[in-house]
Amino acid sequence: MKTLDEIRKEISAIDEKMAQLFEKRMEAAAEVAAYKKEHALPIFDGNREGELIKRNSQIVENSVIREYYVDFLKNNMALSRAYQARLNEGLRVAYSGVEGAFAYIAAKRLYPEATLVSYPDFESAYRSVENGECDVAVLPIENSFAGDVSTVMDLLFSGTLYVNSVLDLEINHCLIGVKGATINDVETVMSHPQALMQCDKYIKEHEFKIVGTQNTAASAKSVKELGKKEFAAIASEETAELFDLEIIEKGINQSRTNTTRFVAFSRAQNMLASDGKHHSNEHFMLVFTVKNEAGALAKTIDIIGAHRYNMRNLRSRPMKELLWSYYFFVEADGNINTQNGKDMLRELSATCDICKLVGTYRS
């Protein structure tokens, strides 16, 4: 009888061959997608898939295994359809909020040619990528004023997606109104409560009345619908353009350092290629829990430092499932896809109960 290690090696060898064949299959699917696009054919062909399943399942002699092979074929075809749709229709990018809000702007800047899909909250946008509805989710992870976006941080720890891009979006508020409106016409300003707070000094100087809205885009929409010069919104330049409103004054927020950090989540991890040299624009993110023993966190931090990775961010978050237990988030400079990085991760496994690489990206 084979040992467990021998069996696992055999499975690994089979998996390697399957991966190579899968890549070839998807390359063929790309050619099918190009043909269908040129000839205006639908991506889904139920009759064709039914015939393939019936014919190919007969290759498997074991009747019990054949049942699982049918599911394998169906999954392969579903992935092929998704890939063809992506090639023919472009990326589908999820964001939380409405068109014109800052999340929409961040998604548009990262993926200008993509189809943007709105979701009502952070988690539903995130799950849409996990379940294959969308290819990417662009979500805020922190704000220079308000700090962490806790829901997104927790998804980073508990979810299955990876961070492959980061965008620092400077929040530059403008006073916008209907065409022809001037500062002397405005009596009431509308916006999200946080935006109103960030422009509090400007609002008080002009003695404006304020109305809180769900978000900055919603305030612009309301101003457009009201169509009166005495109503204005606080929102971005992009939002003004989207709703065909006029910018009355730019940069009305008192702080010029208000920035929201957005990250792009996707199902596949983008392991940066390494040339063995240090590049200042390469970074990675880790989440981990440490063993419940004295000095465990300090040992973990020392390991990261010993491998010459500079931590630019270290923070803790409570774990919802366990009272008074925490997980930690580290963001560091450098390429972890090196032998040095692999050695560090192996050493961290000795001090951490959980250690997960959740992102690699270039700034």
Protein backbone atom coordinates (compact mmCIF):
# COMPACT_ATOMS: atom_id res chain seq x y z
CA MET A 1 0.00 0.00 0.00
CA LYS A 2 1.22 3.49 -0.86
CA THR A 3 2.05 5.92 1.92
CA LEU A 4 -0.03 9.09 2.34
CA ASP A 5 2.90 11.21 1.14
CA GLU A 6 3.23 9.10 -2.01
CA ILE A 7 -0.47 9.46 -2.75
CA ARG A 8 -0.32 13.22 -2.22
CA LYS A 9 2.66 13.54 -4.56
CA GLU A 10 0.73 11.61 -7.20
CA ILE A 11 -2.28 13.92 -6.77
CA SER A 12 -0.01 17.00 -7.03
CA ALA A 13 1.45 15.68 -10.29
CA ILE A 14 -2.06 15.10 -11.68
CA ASP A 15 -3.17 18.59 -10.54
CA GLU A 16 -0.20 20.14 -12.36
CA LYS A 17 -1.19 18.43 -15.63
CA MET A 18 -4.84 19.42 -15.11
CA ALA A 19 -3.83 23.06 -14.61
CA GLN A 20 -1.90 23.03 -17.88
CA LEU A 21 -4.84 21.45 -19.71
CA PHE A 22 -7.27 23.89 -18.10
CA GLU A 23 -5.21 26.83 -19.37
CA LYS A 24 -5.22 25.35 -22.90
CA ARG A 25 -8.98 24.80 -22.67
CA MET A 26 -9.58 28.41 -21.68
CA GLU A 27 -7.35 29.62 -24.53
CA ALA A 28 -9.57 27.63 -26.90
CA ALA A 29 -12.63 29.16 -25.21
CA ALA A 30 -11.16 32.61 -25.99
CA GLU A 31 -11.11 31.69 -29.67
CA VAL A 32 -14.75 30.57 -29.41
CA ALA A 33 -15.59 33.92 -27.77
CA ALA A 34 -13.96 35.83 -30.63
CA TYR A 35 -15.94 33.82 -33.20
CA LYS A 36 -19.22 34.33 -31.36
CA LYS A 37 -18.59 38.06 -31.02
CA GLU A 38 -17.81 38.41 -34.73
CA HIS A 39 -20.89 36.41 -35.71
CA ALA A 40 -23.24 37.89 -33.04
CA LEU A 41 -23.89 34.48 -31.47
CA PRO A 42 -25.03 34.07 -27.84
CA ILE A 43 -22.42 32.83 -25.37
CA PHE A 44 -24.77 30.19 -23.92
CA ASP A 45 -25.76 27.29 -26.18
CA GLY A 46 -27.80 24.85 -24.10
CA ASN A 47 -28.12 22.20 -26.81
CA ARG A 48 -24.39 22.15 -27.47
CA GLU A 49 -23.55 21.84 -23.77
CA GLY A 50 -26.10 19.08 -23.30
CA GLU A 51 -24.56 17.08 -26.14
CA LEU A 52 -21.05 17.51 -24.77
CA ILE A 53 -22.04 16.37 -21.29
CA LYS A 54 -23.82 13.31 -22.64
CA ARG A 55 -20.94 12.34 -24.94
CA ASN A 56 -17.98 13.12 -22.66
CA SER A 57 -19.47 11.54 -19.54
CA GLN A 58 -19.48 8.18 -21.31
CA ILE A 59 -15.68 8.23 -21.30
CA VAL A 60 -15.71 7.59 -17.54
CA GLU A 61 -16.34 3.88 -16.92
CA ASN A 62 -16.95 4.00 -13.17
CA SER A 63 -20.66 4.88 -12.81
CA VAL A 64 -20.23 6.53 -9.39
CA ILE A 65 -17.30 8.67 -10.52
CA ARG A 66 -19.23 9.50 -13.70
CA GLU A 67 -21.82 11.37 -11.60
CA TYR A 68 -19.08 13.62 -10.23
CA TYR A 69 -17.56 14.01 -13.70
CA VAL A 70 -20.86 15.39 -14.99
CA ASP A 71 -20.66 18.09 -12.30
CA PHE A 72 -17.02 18.67 -13.28
CA LEU A 73 -18.05 19.22 -16.91
CA LYS A 74 -20.87 21.58 -15.93
CA ASN A 75 -18.51 23.66 -13.79
CA ASN A 76 -15.95 23.79 -16.58
CA MET A 77 -18.58 25.01 -19.02
CA ALA A 78 -19.83 27.63 -16.58
CA LEU A 79 -16.26 28.94 -16.16
CA SER A 80 -15.83 28.95 -19.93
CA ARG A 81 -19.02 31.01 -20.35
CA ALA A 82 -17.89 33.46 -17.66
CA TYR A 83 -14.50 33.86 -19.35
CA GLN A 84 -16.10 34.39 -22.77
CA ALA A 85 -18.46 36.98 -21.30
CA ARG A 86 -15.52 38.78 -19.72
CA LEU A 87 -13.63 38.85 -23.02
CA ASN A 88 -16.66 39.99 -25.02
CA GLU A 89 -18.28 42.35 -22.53
CA GLY A 90 -15.36 43.52 -20.39
CA LEU A 91 -14.91 43.44 -16.65
CA ARG A 92 -17.89 43.71 -14.34
CA VAL A 93 -16.85 45.82 -11.36
CA ALA A 94 -18.92 45.91 -8.17
CA TYR A 95 -19.07 48.93 -5.88
CA SER A 96 -21.22 49.98 -2.96
CA GLY A 97 -23.41 53.04 -3.43
CA VAL A 98 -24.93 54.90 -6.34
CA GLU A 99 -23.65 56.32 -9.60
CA GLY A 100 -21.68 59.48 -8.94
CA ALA A 101 -20.69 58.66 -5.35
CA PHE A 102 -17.00 58.49 -4.43
CA ALA A 103 -17.00 54.66 -4.61
CA TYR A 104 -18.28 54.95 -8.19
CA ILE A 105 -15.54 57.47 -9.00
CA ALA A 106 -12.86 55.19 -7.53
CA ALA A 107 -14.12 52.21 -9.54
CA LYS A 108 -14.23 54.32 -12.71
CA ARG A 109 -10.66 55.52 -12.24
CA LEU A 110 -9.32 52.02 -11.65
CA TYR A 111 -11.35 50.41 -14.46
CA PRO A 112 -12.42 53.12 -16.93
CA GLU A 113 -13.61 50.65 -19.60
CA ALA A 114 -15.47 48.28 -17.27
CA THR A 115 -19.18 47.82 -16.62
CA LEU A 116 -19.82 49.18 -13.11
CA VAL A 117 -22.45 47.40 -11.01
CA SER A 118 -23.99 49.06 -7.95
CA TYR A 119 -24.72 47.12 -4.74
CA PRO A 120 -26.49 48.39 -1.62
CA ASP A 121 -23.69 47.60 0.85
CA PHE A 122 -20.05 46.52 1.14
CA GLU A 123 -20.72 42.86 1.83
CA SER A 124 -23.09 42.30 -1.10
CA ALA A 125 -20.53 43.90 -3.45
CA TYR A 126 -17.82 41.65 -2.03
CA ARG A 127 -19.95 38.50 -2.27
CA SER A 128 -20.82 39.30 -5.89
CA VAL A 129 -17.19 38.62 -6.78
CA GLU A 130 -17.00 35.50 -4.63
CA ASN A 131 -20.04 34.01 -6.37
CA GLY A 132 -18.96 35.08 -9.87
CA GLU A 133 -21.56 37.79 -10.58
CA CYS A 134 -18.74 40.33 -10.94
CA ASP A 135 -15.01 40.12 -11.58
CA VAL A 136 -13.78 42.84 -9.22
CA ALA A 137 -15.12 44.70 -6.16
CA VAL A 138 -13.81 48.22 -5.42
CA LEU A 139 -14.41 49.03 -1.76
CA PRO A 140 -13.10 51.62 0.74
CA ILE A 141 -10.77 50.23 3.38
CA GLU A 142 -9.90 53.41 5.31
CA ASN A 143 -10.31 57.17 5.45
CA SER A 144 -7.64 59.59 6.62
CA PHE A 145 -10.19 61.21 8.95
CA ALA A 146 -12.59 58.44 9.94
CA GLY A 147 -10.11 55.53 10.07
CA ASP A 148 -10.79 51.91 9.15
CA VAL A 149 -13.90 50.79 7.33
CA SER A 150 -14.57 47.93 9.74
CA THR A 151 -16.87 45.86 7.53
CA VAL A 152 -14.35 45.76 4.69
CA MET A 153 -11.46 44.99 7.06
CA ASP A 154 -13.41 42.03 8.46
CA LEU A 155 -14.16 40.77 4.94
CA LEU A 156 -10.43 41.01 4.22
CA PHE A 157 -9.81 38.61 7.11
CA SER A 158 -12.71 36.20 6.71
CA GLY A 159 -13.34 36.25 2.96
CA THR A 160 -11.69 34.45 0.06
CA LEU A 161 -10.75 37.39 -2.18
CA TYR A 162 -7.38 39.08 -2.71
CA VAL A 163 -6.36 42.73 -2.94
CA ASN A 164 -4.57 43.39 -6.23
CA SER A 165 -4.86 47.18 -6.60
CA VAL A 166 -5.03 50.18 -4.27
CA LEU A 167 -6.24 53.72 -5.03
CA ASP A 168 -5.89 56.73 -2.73
CA LEU A 169 -8.77 58.99 -3.72
CA GLU A 170 -8.46 62.58 -2.53
CA ILE A 171 -11.84 63.88 -1.42
CA ASN A 172 -12.19 67.34 -2.96
CA HIS A 173 -15.63 68.80 -2.29
CA CYS A 174 -17.27 71.35 -4.58
CA LEU A 175 -20.39 73.48 -4.26
CA ILE A 176 -22.54 72.60 -7.28
CA GLY A 177 -25.88 73.90 -8.47
CA VAL A 178 -28.14 74.26 -11.49
CA LYS A 179 -26.93 76.10 -14.59
CA GLY A 180 -26.56 79.82 -14.00
CA ALA A 181 -26.55 79.60 -10.19
CA THR A 182 -24.06 81.76 -8.26
CA ILE A 183 -22.91 81.81 -4.66
CA ASN A 184 -25.36 84.66 -4.00
CA ASP A 185 -28.32 82.52 -5.10
CA VAL A 186 -27.65 79.61 -2.76
CA GLU A 187 -29.60 79.38 0.48
CA THR A 188 -29.60 75.63 1.28
CA VAL A 189 -26.89 73.00 0.73
CA MET A 190 -27.44 69.25 0.66
CA SER A 191 -24.96 66.43 1.16
CA HIS A 192 -23.93 63.43 3.20
CA PRO A 193 -23.51 64.39 6.91
CA GLN A 194 -19.76 63.67 6.77
CA ALA A 195 -19.33 65.94 3.75
CA LEU A 196 -21.34 68.67 5.50
CA MET A 197 -19.06 68.32 8.54
CA GLN A 198 -15.92 68.52 6.40
CA CYS A 199 -17.21 71.77 4.87
CA ASP A 200 -18.61 73.14 8.12
CA LYS A 201 -16.45 76.28 8.14
CA TYR A 202 -17.45 77.22 4.59
CA ILE A 203 -21.13 76.57 5.32
CA LYS A 204 -21.08 78.77 8.44
CA GLU A 205 -19.25 81.57 6.66
CA HIS A 206 -22.07 81.75 4.09
CA GLU A 207 -24.86 81.04 6.62
CA PHE A 208 -26.31 78.23 4.53
CA LYS A 209 -29.09 75.99 5.76
CA ILE A 210 -28.17 72.31 5.56
CA VAL A 211 -30.04 69.14 4.56
CA GLY A 212 -28.50 65.71 5.11
CA THR A 213 -28.76 63.09 2.35
CA GLN A 214 -27.78 59.43 1.95
CA ASN A 215 -24.67 60.30 -0.06
CA THR A 216 -23.15 63.08 -2.12
CA ALA A 217 -24.55 61.73 -5.39
CA ALA A 218 -28.07 61.68 -3.95
CA SER A 219 -27.73 65.35 -3.01
CA ALA A 220 -26.70 66.25 -6.55
CA LYS A 221 -29.63 64.29 -7.93
CA SER A 222 -32.02 66.18 -5.62
CA VAL A 223 -30.64 69.56 -6.71
CA LYS A 224 -31.04 68.56 -10.35
CA GLU A 225 -34.65 67.46 -9.78
CA LEU A 226 -35.56 70.59 -7.80
CA GLY A 227 -34.10 72.81 -10.52
CA LYS A 228 -33.89 75.87 -8.27
CA LYS A 229 -30.88 78.17 -7.87
CA GLU A 230 -31.33 78.48 -4.11
CA PHE A 231 -30.48 74.77 -3.65
CA ALA A 232 -26.92 73.47 -4.04
CA ALA A 233 -25.11 70.23 -3.31
CA ILE A 234 -21.69 69.42 -1.90
CA ALA A 235 -20.12 66.76 -4.11
CA SER A 236 -17.24 66.08 -6.49
CA GLU A 237 -16.44 67.53 -9.90
CA GLU A 238 -17.25 64.15 -11.47
CA THR A 239 -20.67 64.16 -9.83
CA ALA A 240 -21.40 67.64 -11.16
CA GLU A 241 -20.54 66.46 -14.67
CA LEU A 242 -22.62 63.30 -14.30
CA PHE A 243 -25.76 65.23 -13.33
CA ASP A 244 -25.08 68.15 -15.69
CA LEU A 245 -24.74 70.63 -12.84
CA GLU A 246 -22.54 73.70 -12.59
CA ILE A 247 -19.55 74.00 -10.26
CA ILE A 248 -20.07 77.16 -8.24
CA GLU A 249 -16.89 76.83 -6.18
CA LYS A 250 -14.18 74.18 -5.89
CA GLY A 251 -12.26 72.91 -2.84
CA ILE A 252 -14.63 74.07 -0.15
CA ASN A 253 -13.62 71.44 2.44
CA GLN A 254 -11.34 72.94 5.07
CA SER A 255 -8.88 70.03 5.01
CA ARG A 256 -6.87 69.33 1.87
CA THR A 257 -5.62 65.98 3.17
CA ASN A 258 -8.92 64.09 3.33
CA THR A 259 -8.28 60.87 1.42
CA THR A 260 -10.22 57.63 1.17
CA ARG A 261 -8.30 54.49 0.34
CA PHE A 262 -10.01 52.05 -2.00
CA VAL A 263 -8.89 48.50 -2.72
CA ALA A 264 -9.79 46.22 -5.62
CA PHE A 265 -10.72 42.66 -4.63
CA SER A 266 -10.61 39.76 -7.08
CA ARG A 267 -10.74 35.98 -6.90
CA ALA A 268 -7.16 35.36 -8.09
CA GLN A 269 -4.06 36.46 -6.27
CA ASN A 270 -1.72 38.68 -8.28
CA MET A 271 1.72 37.40 -7.29
CA LEU A 272 4.16 40.06 -8.44
CA ALA A 273 7.05 38.75 -10.49
CA SER A 274 10.38 39.22 -8.74
CA ASP A 275 13.73 40.11 -10.28
CA GLY A 276 15.51 39.81 -6.95
CA LYS A 277 15.79 43.59 -6.55
CA HIS A 278 13.99 45.87 -4.11
CA HIS A 279 11.36 48.15 -5.64
CA SER A 280 9.80 50.87 -3.50
CA ASN A 281 6.45 50.59 -5.27
CA GLU A 282 5.84 46.92 -4.34
CA HIS A 283 3.76 46.09 -1.28
CA PHE A 284 1.86 43.25 0.38
CA MET A 285 -0.85 42.73 3.02
CA LEU A 286 -1.06 40.04 5.68
CA VAL A 287 -3.72 39.18 8.23
CA PHE A 288 -2.90 36.88 11.13
CA THR A 289 -3.78 35.73 14.63
CA VAL A 290 -1.10 34.91 17.17
CA LYS A 291 -0.91 32.10 19.67
CA ASN A 292 -2.22 32.94 23.14
CA GLU A 293 1.17 33.12 24.82
CA ALA A 294 3.49 35.85 26.08
CA GLY A 295 5.49 37.64 23.42
CA ALA A 296 3.77 35.98 20.46
CA LEU A 297 2.91 39.28 18.75
CA ALA A 298 6.40 40.68 19.37
CA LYS A 299 7.96 37.54 17.85
CA THR A 300 5.76 37.89 14.79
CA ILE A 301 6.73 41.53 14.26
CA ASP A 302 10.41 40.67 14.81
CA ILE A 303 10.25 37.99 12.09
CA ILE A 304 8.87 40.48 9.57
CA GLY A 305 11.59 42.99 10.46
CA ALA A 306 14.33 40.35 10.40
CA HIS A 307 13.47 39.64 6.77
CA ARG A 308 13.94 43.35 6.01
CA TYR A 309 10.33 44.15 5.24
CA ASN A 310 9.32 47.62 6.38
CA MET A 311 5.85 47.65 7.98
CA ARG A 312 3.95 50.74 6.89
CA ASN A 313 0.79 49.72 8.76
CA LEU A 314 -0.04 47.55 11.79
CA ARG A 315 -3.48 47.42 13.37
CA SER A 316 -5.73 45.07 15.31
CA ARG A 317 -9.40 44.20 14.93
CA PRO A 318 -11.68 42.26 17.32
CA MET A 319 -12.83 38.85 16.12
CA LYS A 320 -16.62 38.71 16.19
CA GLU A 321 -16.77 35.01 16.99
CA LEU A 322 -14.41 35.09 20.01
CA LEU A 323 -14.72 37.53 22.92
CA TRP A 324 -11.54 39.51 23.61
CA SER A 325 -9.72 37.88 20.71
CA TYR A 326 -8.14 39.87 17.91
CA TYR A 327 -6.68 39.49 14.46
CA PHE A 328 -3.92 41.71 13.11
CA PHE A 329 -3.44 43.45 9.78
CA VAL A 330 0.01 44.27 8.42
CA GLU A 331 0.88 46.19 5.29
CA ALA A 332 4.54 46.17 4.33
CA ASP A 333 6.88 47.35 1.58
CA GLY A 334 8.57 44.83 -0.66
CA ASN A 335 7.92 41.81 -2.86
CA ILE A 336 6.88 38.76 -0.86
CA ASN A 337 7.08 36.49 -3.90
CA THR A 338 10.78 35.79 -3.29
CA GLN A 339 12.66 33.09 -1.44
CA ASN A 340 13.08 35.57 1.42
CA GLY A 341 9.32 36.14 1.48
CA LYS A 342 8.56 32.42 1.42
CA ASP A 343 11.01 31.87 4.28
CA MET A 344 9.31 34.62 6.28
CA LEU A 345 5.85 33.10 5.79
CA ARG A 346 7.16 29.71 6.88
CA GLU A 347 8.62 31.21 10.06
CA LEU A 348 5.39 33.11 10.76
CA SER A 349 3.46 29.84 10.71
CA ALA A 350 5.32 28.87 13.89
CA THR A 351 4.10 31.93 15.84
CA CYS A 352 0.68 32.46 14.22
CA ASP A 353 -2.46 30.34 14.49
CA ILE A 354 -3.65 31.89 11.22
CA CYS A 355 -1.46 33.70 8.70
CA LYS A 356 -2.94 34.69 5.35
CA LEU A 357 -1.43 36.67 2.50
CA VAL A 358 -4.37 38.78 1.32
CA GLY A 359 -2.81 41.20 -1.12
CA THR A 360 0.17 42.08 -3.31
CA TYR A 361 0.14 45.24 -5.39
CA ARG A 362 2.17 48.04 -6.93
CA SER A 363 1.57 51.68 -6.00
